[in-house]
Amino acid sequence: MSEPLARPGYKDFTARAPDVYAGLAALTKAVDASGLEKGLTELVKLRASQINGCAFCLKFHLGLARKAGVAQDKLDLLATWWEAGLFTAREKAALAYAETLTALDAEAASDEAWAALRAEFSEDEALFLTVAVATINAWNRIGIALRFAP
């Protein structure tokens, strides 16, 4: 069996691709400035990272979620949010939307998914939530491809 090929780590990535890092960071800052609750956006980023299997992003966003005051029970039961009985209607709408955009199945951009999201979020909030999901999915794919260590 051959040894795995070495890949750039997170620090190497940010040093060698500073414009890419700055672009992704700018998207995150725009979402943070949008007025969406930080705890909510961290839950969405965590759920997408669970689905994608990105250990680096899970560890990173768990820290940010805790700092934002997300309850430990919610973090513990995030993988089964729909049956946990702990999440608000707003959180459930955001998590369901994040799952459909992350999985990109046939229902990903359905009118039903958008309507369910809009029942809890303004159009501007839905726009920035879409950016948050897209950004974490980009980070997940980079972290997984380069095998960033958690």
C-alpha atoms as a PDB file:
ATOM      1  CA  MET A   1       0.000   0.000   0.000  1.00  0.00           C
ATOM      2  CA  SER A   2       1.408   3.390  -0.947  1.00  0.00           C
ATOM      3  CA  GLU A   3       1.790   6.352   1.376  1.00  0.00           C
ATOM      4  CA  PRO A   4      -0.761   9.151   0.972  1.00  0.00           C
ATOM      5  CA  LEU A   5       0.446  12.125  -0.997  1.00  0.00           C
ATOM      6  CA  ALA A   6       1.316  15.191   1.054  1.00  0.00           C
ATOM      7  CA  ARG A   7      -1.121  18.065   0.661  1.00  0.00           C
ATOM      8  CA  PRO A   8      -0.965  21.675   1.779  1.00  0.00           C
ATOM      9  CA  GLY A   9      -2.309  22.210   5.286  1.00  0.00           C
ATOM     10  CA  TYR A  10      -4.612  25.033   6.328  1.00  0.00           C
ATOM     11  CA  LYS A  11      -1.816  27.492   7.125  1.00  0.00           C
ATOM     12  CA  ASP A  12      -0.052  26.629   3.885  1.00  0.00           C
ATOM     13  CA  PHE A  13      -3.307  27.087   1.962  1.00  0.00           C
ATOM     14  CA  THR A  14      -3.955  30.526   3.439  1.00  0.00           C
ATOM     15  CA  ALA A  15      -0.350  31.594   2.741  1.00  0.00           C
ATOM     16  CA  ARG A  16      -0.239  30.255  -0.816  1.00  0.00           C
ATOM     17  CA  ALA A  17      -3.767  31.260  -1.832  1.00  0.00           C
ATOM     18  CA  PRO A  18      -4.316  34.507   0.092  1.00  0.00           C
ATOM     19  CA  ASP A  19      -6.811  35.928  -2.401  1.00  0.00           C
ATOM     20  CA  VAL A  20      -8.970  32.800  -2.185  1.00  0.00           C
ATOM     21  CA  TYR A  21      -8.828  32.923   1.598  1.00  0.00           C
ATOM     22  CA  ALA A  22      -9.673  36.649   1.578  1.00  0.00           C
ATOM     23  CA  GLY A  23     -12.609  36.049  -0.757  1.00  0.00           C
ATOM     24  CA  LEU A  24     -14.084  33.312   1.424  1.00  0.00           C
ATOM     25  CA  ALA A  25     -13.456  35.415   4.541  1.00  0.00           C
ATOM     26  CA  ALA A  26     -15.240  38.358   2.894  1.00  0.00           C
ATOM     27  CA  LEU A  27     -18.317  36.192   2.277  1.00  0.00           C
ATOM     28  CA  THR A  28     -18.336  35.171   5.929  1.00  0.00           C
ATOM     29  CA  LYS A  29     -17.999  38.797   7.053  1.00  0.00           C
ATOM     30  CA  ALA A  30     -20.897  39.811   4.799  1.00  0.00           C
ATOM     31  CA  VAL A  31     -23.110  37.136   6.351  1.00  0.00           C
ATOM     32  CA  ASP A  32     -22.033  38.190   9.851  1.00  0.00           C
ATOM     33  CA  ALA A  33     -22.863  41.832   9.015  1.00  0.00           C
ATOM     34  CA  SER A  34     -26.271  40.890   7.582  1.00  0.00           C
ATOM     35  CA  GLY A  35     -27.931  40.682  10.981  1.00  0.00           C
ATOM     36  CA  LEU A  36     -28.503  36.924  10.971  1.00  0.00           C
ATOM     37  CA  GLU A  37     -27.909  35.473  14.411  1.00  0.00           C
ATOM     38  CA  LYS A  38     -24.357  34.135  14.741  1.00  0.00           C
ATOM     39  CA  GLY A  39     -25.541  31.026  16.612  1.00  0.00           C
ATOM     40  CA  LEU A  40     -27.972  30.223  13.804  1.00  0.00           C
ATOM     41  CA  THR A  41     -25.370  30.569  11.056  1.00  0.00           C
ATOM     42  CA  GLU A  42     -22.948  28.428  13.044  1.00  0.00           C
ATOM     43  CA  LEU A  43     -25.586  25.685  13.384  1.00  0.00           C
ATOM     44  CA  VAL A  44     -26.073  25.779   9.614  1.00  0.00           C
ATOM     45  CA  LYS A  45     -22.314  25.586   8.997  1.00  0.00           C
ATOM     46  CA  LEU A  46     -21.996  22.693  11.428  1.00  0.00           C
ATOM     47  CA  ARG A  47     -24.833  20.752   9.812  1.00  0.00           C
ATOM     48  CA  ALA A  48     -23.390  21.184   6.324  1.00  0.00           C
ATOM     49  CA  SER A  49     -19.985  20.117   7.645  1.00  0.00           C
ATOM     50  CA  GLN A  50     -21.542  17.007   9.229  1.00  0.00           C
ATOM     51  CA  ILE A  51     -23.167  16.066   5.931  1.00  0.00           C
ATOM     52  CA  ASN A  52     -19.942  16.663   4.011  1.00  0.00           C
ATOM     53  CA  GLY A  53     -17.762  14.907   6.594  1.00  0.00           C
ATOM     54  CA  CYS A  54     -15.324  17.784   7.130  1.00  0.00           C
ATOM     55  CA  ALA A  55     -13.675  17.259  10.528  1.00  0.00           C
ATOM     56  CA  PHE A  56     -11.633  20.477  10.252  1.00  0.00           C
ATOM     57  CA  CYS A  57     -14.739  22.633   9.733  1.00  0.00           C
ATOM     58  CA  LEU A  58     -16.683  20.754  12.424  1.00  0.00           C
ATOM     59  CA  LYS A  59     -14.041  21.468  15.039  1.00  0.00           C
ATOM     60  CA  PHE A  60     -13.636  25.081  13.919  1.00  0.00           C
ATOM     61  CA  HIS A  61     -17.366  25.881  13.887  1.00  0.00           C
ATOM     62  CA  LEU A  62     -18.074  24.011  17.138  1.00  0.00           C
ATOM     63  CA  GLY A  63     -15.764  26.506  18.824  1.00  0.00           C
ATOM     64  CA  LEU A  64     -17.509  29.450  17.171  1.00  0.00           C
ATOM     65  CA  ALA A  65     -20.954  28.054  18.023  1.00  0.00           C
ATOM     66  CA  ARG A  66     -20.003  27.693  21.677  1.00  0.00           C
ATOM     67  CA  LYS A  67     -18.593  31.226  21.679  1.00  0.00           C
ATOM     68  CA  ALA A  68     -21.891  32.440  20.171  1.00  0.00           C
ATOM     69  CA  GLY A  69     -23.782  30.814  23.053  1.00  0.00           C
ATOM     70  CA  VAL A  70     -25.346  27.838  21.265  1.00  0.00           C
ATOM     71  CA  ALA A  71     -26.569  25.395  23.917  1.00  0.00           C
ATOM     72  CA  GLN A  72     -24.580  22.170  24.268  1.00  0.00           C
ATOM     73  CA  ASP A  73     -27.777  20.117  23.912  1.00  0.00           C
ATOM     74  CA  LYS A  74     -28.318  21.602  20.466  1.00  0.00           C
ATOM     75  CA  LEU A  75     -24.736  20.844  19.464  1.00  0.00           C
ATOM     76  CA  ASP A  76     -25.081  17.291  20.760  1.00  0.00           C
ATOM     77  CA  LEU A  77     -28.316  16.642  18.844  1.00  0.00           C
ATOM     78  CA  LEU A  78     -27.673  18.635  15.677  1.00  0.00           C
ATOM     79  CA  ALA A  79     -27.376  15.498  13.531  1.00  0.00           C
ATOM     80  CA  THR A  80     -31.008  14.692  14.426  1.00  0.00           C
ATOM     81  CA  TRP A  81     -32.340  18.250  14.724  1.00  0.00           C
ATOM     82  CA  TRP A  82     -35.754  17.408  13.217  1.00  0.00           C
ATOM     83  CA  GLU A  83     -36.641  15.014  16.041  1.00  0.00           C
ATOM     84  CA  ALA A  84     -34.690  16.521  18.943  1.00  0.00           C
ATOM     85  CA  GLY A  85     -37.426  18.877  20.107  1.00  0.00           C
ATOM     86  CA  LEU A  86     -34.854  21.582  20.963  1.00  0.00           C
ATOM     87  CA  PHE A  87     -34.727  23.717  17.856  1.00  0.00           C
ATOM     88  CA  THR A  88     -36.885  26.750  17.098  1.00  0.00           C
ATOM     89  CA  ALA A  89     -39.019  26.957  13.967  1.00  0.00           C
ATOM     90  CA  ARG A  90     -36.488  29.439  12.564  1.00  0.00           C
ATOM     91  CA  GLU A  91     -33.564  27.092  13.242  1.00  0.00           C
ATOM     92  CA  LYS A  92     -35.459  24.158  11.729  1.00  0.00           C
ATOM     93  CA  ALA A  93     -36.205  26.153   8.578  1.00  0.00           C
ATOM     94  CA  ALA A  94     -32.546  27.168   8.261  1.00  0.00           C
ATOM     95  CA  LEU A  95     -31.251  23.645   8.880  1.00  0.00           C
ATOM     96  CA  ALA A  96     -33.680  22.084   6.406  1.00  0.00           C
ATOM     97  CA  TYR A  97     -32.657  24.634   3.772  1.00  0.00           C
ATOM     98  CA  ALA A  98     -28.949  24.050   4.483  1.00  0.00           C
ATOM     99  CA  GLU A  99     -29.421  20.309   4.076  1.00  0.00           C
ATOM    100  CA  THR A 100     -31.150  20.660   0.713  1.00  0.00           C
ATOM    101  CA  LEU A 101     -28.453  23.013  -0.630  1.00  0.00           C
ATOM    102  CA  THR A 102     -25.659  20.806   0.693  1.00  0.00           C
ATOM    103  CA  ALA A 103     -27.052  17.521  -0.629  1.00  0.00           C
ATOM    104  CA  LEU A 104     -28.029  19.116  -3.969  1.00  0.00           C
ATOM    105  CA  ASP A 105     -30.639  16.525  -4.739  1.00  0.00           C
ATOM    106  CA  ALA A 106     -33.571  17.155  -7.075  1.00  0.00           C
ATOM    107  CA  GLU A 107     -35.350  19.153  -4.359  1.00  0.00           C
ATOM    108  CA  ALA A 108     -32.411  21.468  -3.630  1.00  0.00           C
ATOM    109  CA  ALA A 109     -33.826  24.610  -5.188  1.00  0.00           C
ATOM    110  CA  SER A 110     -37.495  23.676  -5.132  1.00  0.00           C
ATOM    111  CA  ASP A 111     -40.220  26.240  -4.643  1.00  0.00           C
ATOM    112  CA  GLU A 112     -41.269  24.291  -1.548  1.00  0.00           C
ATOM    113  CA  ALA A 113     -37.811  24.588   0.039  1.00  0.00           C
ATOM    114  CA  TRP A 114     -37.728  28.338  -0.675  1.00  0.00           C
ATOM    115  CA  ALA A 115     -41.282  28.861   0.627  1.00  0.00           C
ATOM    116  CA  ALA A 116     -40.487  26.968   3.850  1.00  0.00           C
ATOM    117  CA  LEU A 117     -37.424  29.133   4.377  1.00  0.00           C
ATOM    118  CA  ARG A 118     -39.304  32.351   3.626  1.00  0.00           C
ATOM    119  CA  ALA A 119     -41.940  31.437   6.206  1.00  0.00           C
ATOM    120  CA  GLU A 120     -39.281  32.112   8.865  1.00  0.00           C
ATOM    121  CA  PHE A 121     -36.828  34.487   7.157  1.00  0.00           C
ATOM    122  CA  SER A 122     -37.093  37.761   5.265  1.00  0.00           C
ATOM    123  CA  GLU A 123     -35.936  37.762   1.655  1.00  0.00           C
ATOM    124  CA  ASP A 124     -32.661  39.459   2.639  1.00  0.00           C
ATOM    125  CA  GLU A 125     -32.083  36.971   5.450  1.00  0.00           C
ATOM    126  CA  ALA A 126     -32.759  34.082   3.052  1.00  0.00           C
ATOM    127  CA  LEU A 127     -30.269  35.561   0.598  1.00  0.00           C
ATOM    128  CA  PHE A 128     -27.522  35.765   3.240  1.00  0.00           C
ATOM    129  CA  LEU A 129     -28.364  32.316   4.599  1.00  0.00           C
ATOM    130  CA  THR A 130     -27.868  31.005   1.054  1.00  0.00           C
ATOM    131  CA  VAL A 131     -24.429  32.668   1.008  1.00  0.00           C
ATOM    132  CA  ALA A 132     -23.572  31.108   4.396  1.00  0.00           C
ATOM    133  CA  VAL A 133     -24.457  27.621   3.136  1.00  0.00           C
ATOM    134  CA  ALA A 134     -22.547  28.113  -0.121  1.00  0.00           C
ATOM    135  CA  THR A 135     -19.486  29.411   1.723  1.00  0.00           C
ATOM    136  CA  ILE A 136     -19.293  26.545   4.212  1.00  0.00           C
ATOM    137  CA  ASN A 137     -19.724  24.058   1.381  1.00  0.00           C
ATOM    138  CA  ALA A 138     -16.773  25.678  -0.406  1.00  0.00           C
ATOM    139  CA  TRP A 139     -14.686  25.485   2.777  1.00  0.00           C
ATOM    140  CA  ASN A 140     -15.731  21.847   3.326  1.00  0.00           C
ATOM    141  CA  ARG A 141     -14.636  20.885  -0.162  1.00  0.00           C
ATOM    142  CA  ILE A 142     -11.277  22.666   0.254  1.00  0.00           C
ATOM    143  CA  GLY A 143     -10.708  21.159   3.717  1.00  0.00           C
ATOM    144  CA  ILE A 144     -11.598  17.666   2.569  1.00  0.00           C
ATOM    145  CA  ALA A 145      -9.603  17.861  -0.664  1.00  0.00           C
ATOM    146  CA  LEU A 146      -6.501  19.101   1.143  1.00  0.00           C
ATOM    147  CA  ARG A 147      -7.187  16.935   4.213  1.00  0.00           C
ATOM    148  CA  PHE A 148      -6.917  19.774   6.712  1.00  0.00           C
ATOM    149  CA  ALA A 149      -6.292  18.318  10.162  1.00  0.00           C
ATOM    150  CA  PRO A 150      -8.842  19.308  12.812  1.00  0.00           C
END
